[in-house]
Amino acid sequence: MKRDPEFRHVSYDAVAELRRSPVHSPEYRYLLRRLREARLSADLTQVDAKALKRPQSYVTKCELGERRIDPIDLYRFAKLYGRPLSYFLPHIAR
């Protein structure tokens, strides 16, 4: 298979922004960014999600905002990445 000479490298964040639903609030986008940062700082790949008993595509979709993250999934990510739940949530004035 030949590569297209016009192909240009696109950053992960740019792809995520294109694929992300416009309905995500700034707070949810914060959670998505922190989810990816936590995985990278834990030196894990998306494939390492098998510890969550999920395929790599599950992690990709969560990080890109294509799949909504429920509280139980967030807890499992936090435990795997060695972070408290508060790490993923923005500090919102009450």
N, C-alpha and C. Protein backbone atom coordinates (compact mmCIF):
# COMPACT_ATOMS: atom_id res chain seq x y z
N MET A 1 0.85 -1.18 0.00
CA MET A 1 0.00 0.00 0.00
C MET A 1 0.89 1.24 0.00
N LYS A 2 0.64 2.15 -0.94
CA LYS A 2 1.43 3.36 -1.04
C LYS A 2 0.88 4.44 -0.12
N ARG A 3 1.79 5.23 0.38
CA ARG A 3 1.38 6.37 1.20
C ARG A 3 1.10 7.57 0.32
N ASP A 4 0.14 8.31 0.66
CA ASP A 4 -0.18 9.54 -0.05
C ASP A 4 0.89 10.58 0.27
N PRO A 5 1.57 11.15 -0.73
CA PRO A 5 2.62 12.13 -0.45
C PRO A 5 2.07 13.41 0.19
N GLU A 6 0.77 13.62 0.07
CA GLU A 6 0.16 14.81 0.67
C GLU A 6 -0.19 14.60 2.14
N PHE A 7 0.01 13.36 2.63
CA PHE A 7 -0.32 13.07 4.03
C PHE A 7 0.53 13.92 4.96
N ARG A 8 -0.11 14.51 5.92
CA ARG A 8 0.61 15.30 6.92
C ARG A 8 0.24 14.76 8.29
N HIS A 9 1.22 14.76 9.18
CA HIS A 9 0.96 14.30 10.54
C HIS A 9 0.00 15.25 11.22
N VAL A 10 -1.01 14.70 11.84
CA VAL A 10 -1.98 15.48 12.59
C VAL A 10 -1.90 15.05 14.04
N SER A 11 -1.89 16.01 14.93
CA SER A 11 -1.76 15.69 16.35
C SER A 11 -3.00 14.97 16.87
N TYR A 12 -2.81 14.21 17.94
CA TYR A 12 -3.90 13.49 18.59
C TYR A 12 -4.98 14.47 19.02
N ASP A 13 -4.56 15.61 19.58
CA ASP A 13 -5.53 16.60 20.06
C ASP A 13 -6.37 17.16 18.92
N ALA A 14 -5.76 17.36 17.75
CA ALA A 14 -6.51 17.88 16.61
C ALA A 14 -7.55 16.86 16.14
N VAL A 15 -7.17 15.60 16.11
CA VAL A 15 -8.12 14.55 15.72
C VAL A 15 -9.23 14.47 16.75
N ALA A 16 -8.87 14.54 18.01
CA ALA A 16 -9.88 14.47 19.08
C ALA A 16 -10.87 15.62 18.94
N GLU A 17 -10.37 16.80 18.64
CA GLU A 17 -11.25 17.95 18.51
C GLU A 17 -12.21 17.79 17.33
N LEU A 18 -11.74 17.21 16.24
CA LEU A 18 -12.59 16.99 15.08
C LEU A 18 -13.67 15.95 15.34
N ARG A 19 -13.33 14.92 16.10
CA ARG A 19 -14.25 13.81 16.33
C ARG A 19 -15.17 14.03 17.52
N ARG A 20 -14.84 14.96 18.37
CA ARG A 20 -15.59 15.19 19.59
C ARG A 20 -16.93 15.85 19.28
N SER A 21 -17.92 15.42 19.98
CA SER A 21 -19.24 16.00 19.83
C SER A 21 -19.24 17.43 20.35
N PRO A 22 -19.90 18.34 19.65
CA PRO A 22 -19.94 19.72 20.11
C PRO A 22 -20.78 19.93 21.36
N VAL A 23 -21.45 18.88 21.82
CA VAL A 23 -22.29 19.03 23.00
C VAL A 23 -21.51 18.89 24.31
N HIS A 24 -20.23 18.54 24.23
CA HIS A 24 -19.45 18.37 25.46
C HIS A 24 -19.16 19.72 26.09
N SER A 25 -19.43 19.79 27.37
CA SER A 25 -19.17 21.02 28.11
C SER A 25 -17.67 21.18 28.34
N PRO A 26 -17.23 22.38 28.71
CA PRO A 26 -15.82 22.58 29.04
C PRO A 26 -15.37 21.65 30.18
N GLU A 27 -16.25 21.39 31.13
CA GLU A 27 -15.90 20.51 32.25
C GLU A 27 -15.68 19.08 31.77
N TYR A 28 -16.50 18.63 30.82
CA TYR A 28 -16.33 17.26 30.32
C TYR A 28 -15.07 17.16 29.46
N ARG A 29 -14.77 18.21 28.70
CA ARG A 29 -13.53 18.22 27.92
C ARG A 29 -12.32 18.18 28.85
N TYR A 30 -12.43 18.84 29.99
CA TYR A 30 -11.37 18.79 31.00
C TYR A 30 -11.16 17.35 31.46
N LEU A 31 -12.25 16.65 31.75
CA LEU A 31 -12.18 15.25 32.17
C LEU A 31 -11.49 14.40 31.10
N LEU A 32 -11.84 14.61 29.84
CA LEU A 32 -11.25 13.83 28.75
C LEU A 32 -9.75 14.08 28.65
N ARG A 33 -9.36 15.34 28.77
CA ARG A 33 -7.93 15.68 28.72
C ARG A 33 -7.17 15.04 29.88
N ARG A 34 -7.75 15.11 31.07
CA ARG A 34 -7.10 14.52 32.25
C ARG A 34 -7.03 13.00 32.16
N LEU A 35 -8.03 12.39 31.53
CA LEU A 35 -8.04 10.94 31.35
C LEU A 35 -6.82 10.51 30.53
N ARG A 36 -6.57 11.20 29.45
CA ARG A 36 -5.42 10.86 28.60
C ARG A 36 -4.11 11.18 29.32
N GLU A 37 -4.03 12.33 29.99
CA GLU A 37 -2.82 12.71 30.71
C GLU A 37 -2.49 11.67 31.79
N ALA A 38 -3.50 11.19 32.49
CA ALA A 38 -3.28 10.20 33.54
C ALA A 38 -2.74 8.90 32.97
N ARG A 39 -3.29 8.48 31.83
CA ARG A 39 -2.80 7.25 31.20
C ARG A 39 -1.35 7.41 30.77
N LEU A 40 -1.03 8.53 30.16
CA LEU A 40 0.35 8.75 29.70
C LEU A 40 1.32 8.86 30.87
N SER A 41 0.92 9.55 31.93
CA SER A 41 1.82 9.69 33.08
C SER A 41 1.98 8.37 33.83
N ALA A 42 1.01 7.46 33.68
CA ALA A 42 1.12 6.13 34.28
C ALA A 42 1.95 5.21 33.36
N ASP A 43 2.41 5.77 32.23
CA ASP A 43 3.21 5.05 31.25
C ASP A 43 2.47 3.82 30.72
N LEU A 44 1.19 4.02 30.42
CA LEU A 44 0.35 2.95 29.88
C LEU A 44 -0.09 3.31 28.46
N THR A 45 -0.30 2.30 27.65
CA THR A 45 -0.86 2.50 26.32
C THR A 45 -2.35 2.20 26.37
N GLN A 46 -3.04 2.55 25.30
CA GLN A 46 -4.45 2.22 25.25
C GLN A 46 -4.66 0.71 25.25
N VAL A 47 -3.71 -0.02 24.73
CA VAL A 47 -3.82 -1.48 24.71
C VAL A 47 -3.77 -2.04 26.13
N ASP A 48 -3.07 -1.34 27.04
CA ASP A 48 -2.98 -1.80 28.42
C ASP A 48 -4.34 -1.78 29.13
N ALA A 49 -5.36 -1.30 28.45
CA ALA A 49 -6.70 -1.27 29.02
C ALA A 49 -7.25 -2.67 29.23
N LYS A 50 -6.53 -3.68 28.76
CA LYS A 50 -7.03 -5.04 28.99
C LYS A 50 -7.16 -5.31 30.49
N ALA A 51 -6.46 -4.52 31.30
CA ALA A 51 -6.64 -4.61 32.75
C ALA A 51 -8.06 -4.20 33.14
N LEU A 52 -8.70 -3.40 32.27
CA LEU A 52 -10.10 -3.00 32.49
C LEU A 52 -11.07 -4.00 31.88
N LYS A 53 -10.51 -5.03 31.23
CA LYS A 53 -11.30 -6.02 30.50
C LYS A 53 -12.10 -5.35 29.38
N ARG A 54 -11.43 -4.43 28.70
CA ARG A 54 -12.02 -3.70 27.58
C ARG A 54 -11.01 -3.68 26.43
N PRO A 55 -11.49 -3.56 25.19
CA PRO A 55 -10.56 -3.46 24.06
C PRO A 55 -9.94 -2.05 23.97
N GLN A 56 -8.89 -1.94 23.20
CA GLN A 56 -8.22 -0.67 23.00
C GLN A 56 -9.19 0.38 22.44
N SER A 57 -10.09 -0.04 21.60
CA SER A 57 -11.04 0.90 20.99
C SER A 57 -11.92 1.58 22.04
N TYR A 58 -12.20 0.89 23.12
CA TYR A 58 -13.00 1.46 24.22
C TYR A 58 -12.28 2.68 24.81
N VAL A 59 -10.98 2.52 25.07
CA VAL A 59 -10.20 3.61 25.65
C VAL A 59 -10.12 4.77 24.67
N THR A 60 -9.88 4.46 23.40
CA THR A 60 -9.81 5.49 22.36
C THR A 60 -11.10 6.30 22.33
N LYS A 61 -12.23 5.61 22.29
CA LYS A 61 -13.52 6.29 22.21
C LYS A 61 -13.79 7.13 23.46
N CYS A 62 -13.39 6.63 24.62
CA CYS A 62 -13.56 7.41 25.84
C CYS A 62 -12.71 8.68 25.79
N GLU A 63 -11.43 8.54 25.43
CA GLU A 63 -10.52 9.69 25.39
C GLU A 63 -10.93 10.71 24.35
N LEU A 64 -11.51 10.28 23.25
CA LEU A 64 -11.93 11.20 22.20
C LEU A 64 -13.31 11.81 22.45
N GLY A 65 -14.00 11.29 23.45
CA GLY A 65 -15.33 11.81 23.75
C GLY A 65 -16.42 11.18 22.90
N GLU A 66 -16.10 10.11 22.20
CA GLU A 66 -17.10 9.43 21.38
C GLU A 66 -17.96 8.50 22.22
N ARG A 67 -17.46 8.14 23.38
CA ARG A 67 -18.20 7.29 24.30
C ARG A 67 -18.25 8.00 25.64
N ARG A 68 -19.44 8.15 26.15
CA ARG A 68 -19.63 8.83 27.43
C ARG A 68 -19.06 7.95 28.55
N ILE A 69 -18.41 8.55 29.51
CA ILE A 69 -17.80 7.81 30.62
C ILE A 69 -18.74 7.87 31.82
N ASP A 70 -19.17 6.69 32.27
CA ASP A 70 -20.04 6.69 33.45
C ASP A 70 -19.18 6.66 34.71
N PRO A 71 -19.77 6.93 35.87
CA PRO A 71 -18.99 7.01 37.11
C PRO A 71 -18.21 5.73 37.44
N ILE A 72 -18.77 4.57 37.15
CA ILE A 72 -18.07 3.31 37.45
C ILE A 72 -16.84 3.17 36.56
N ASP A 73 -16.99 3.52 35.26
CA ASP A 73 -15.84 3.48 34.35
C ASP A 73 -14.76 4.45 34.81
N LEU A 74 -15.17 5.65 35.23
CA LEU A 74 -14.20 6.64 35.69
C LEU A 74 -13.45 6.12 36.91
N TYR A 75 -14.16 5.47 37.81
CA TYR A 75 -13.52 4.88 38.99
C TYR A 75 -12.48 3.84 38.57
N ARG A 76 -12.83 3.01 37.59
CA ARG A 76 -11.89 1.97 37.14
C ARG A 76 -10.66 2.58 36.47
N PHE A 77 -10.87 3.62 35.66
CA PHE A 77 -9.73 4.31 35.05
C PHE A 77 -8.84 4.90 36.15
N ALA A 78 -9.45 5.57 37.12
CA ALA A 78 -8.69 6.20 38.20
C ALA A 78 -7.85 5.17 38.95
N LYS A 79 -8.44 4.05 39.25
CA LYS A 79 -7.72 2.98 39.97
C LYS A 79 -6.56 2.45 39.13
N LEU A 80 -6.80 2.19 37.83
CA LEU A 80 -5.75 1.68 36.96
C LEU A 80 -4.61 2.69 36.81
N TYR A 81 -4.95 3.97 36.72
CA TYR A 81 -3.94 5.01 36.50
C TYR A 81 -3.33 5.53 37.80
N GLY A 82 -3.82 5.04 38.93
CA GLY A 82 -3.26 5.45 40.22
C GLY A 82 -3.56 6.90 40.58
N ARG A 83 -4.75 7.35 40.24
CA ARG A 83 -5.15 8.73 40.51
C ARG A 83 -6.44 8.76 41.31
N PRO A 84 -6.61 9.78 42.16
CA PRO A 84 -7.90 9.92 42.85
C PRO A 84 -8.96 10.42 41.87
N LEU A 85 -10.20 10.16 42.14
CA LEU A 85 -11.28 10.63 41.27
C LEU A 85 -11.23 12.15 41.09
N SER A 86 -10.85 12.86 42.13
CA SER A 86 -10.81 14.33 42.06
C SER A 86 -9.84 14.83 40.99
N TYR A 87 -8.84 14.04 40.62
CA TYR A 87 -7.89 14.42 39.59
C TYR A 87 -8.60 14.70 38.26
N PHE A 88 -9.67 13.99 37.98
CA PHE A 88 -10.36 14.07 36.70
C PHE A 88 -11.45 15.13 36.66
N LEU A 89 -11.78 15.69 37.81
CA LEU A 89 -12.89 16.64 37.88
C LEU A 89 -12.38 18.07 38.05
N PRO A 90 -12.94 19.00 37.28
CA PRO A 90 -12.50 20.40 37.42
C PRO A 90 -12.96 20.94 38.77
N HIS A 91 -12.19 21.88 39.27
CA HIS A 91 -12.56 22.53 40.53
C HIS A 91 -13.53 23.64 40.21
N ILE A 92 -14.78 23.39 40.51
CA ILE A 92 -15.84 24.34 40.19
C ILE A 92 -16.28 25.04 41.47
N ALA A 93 -16.30 26.36 41.40
CA ALA A 93 -16.73 27.14 42.57
C ALA A 93 -18.18 26.81 42.87
N ARG A 94 -18.48 26.65 44.12
CA ARG A 94 -19.85 26.31 44.52
C ARG A 94 -20.53 27.52 45.14
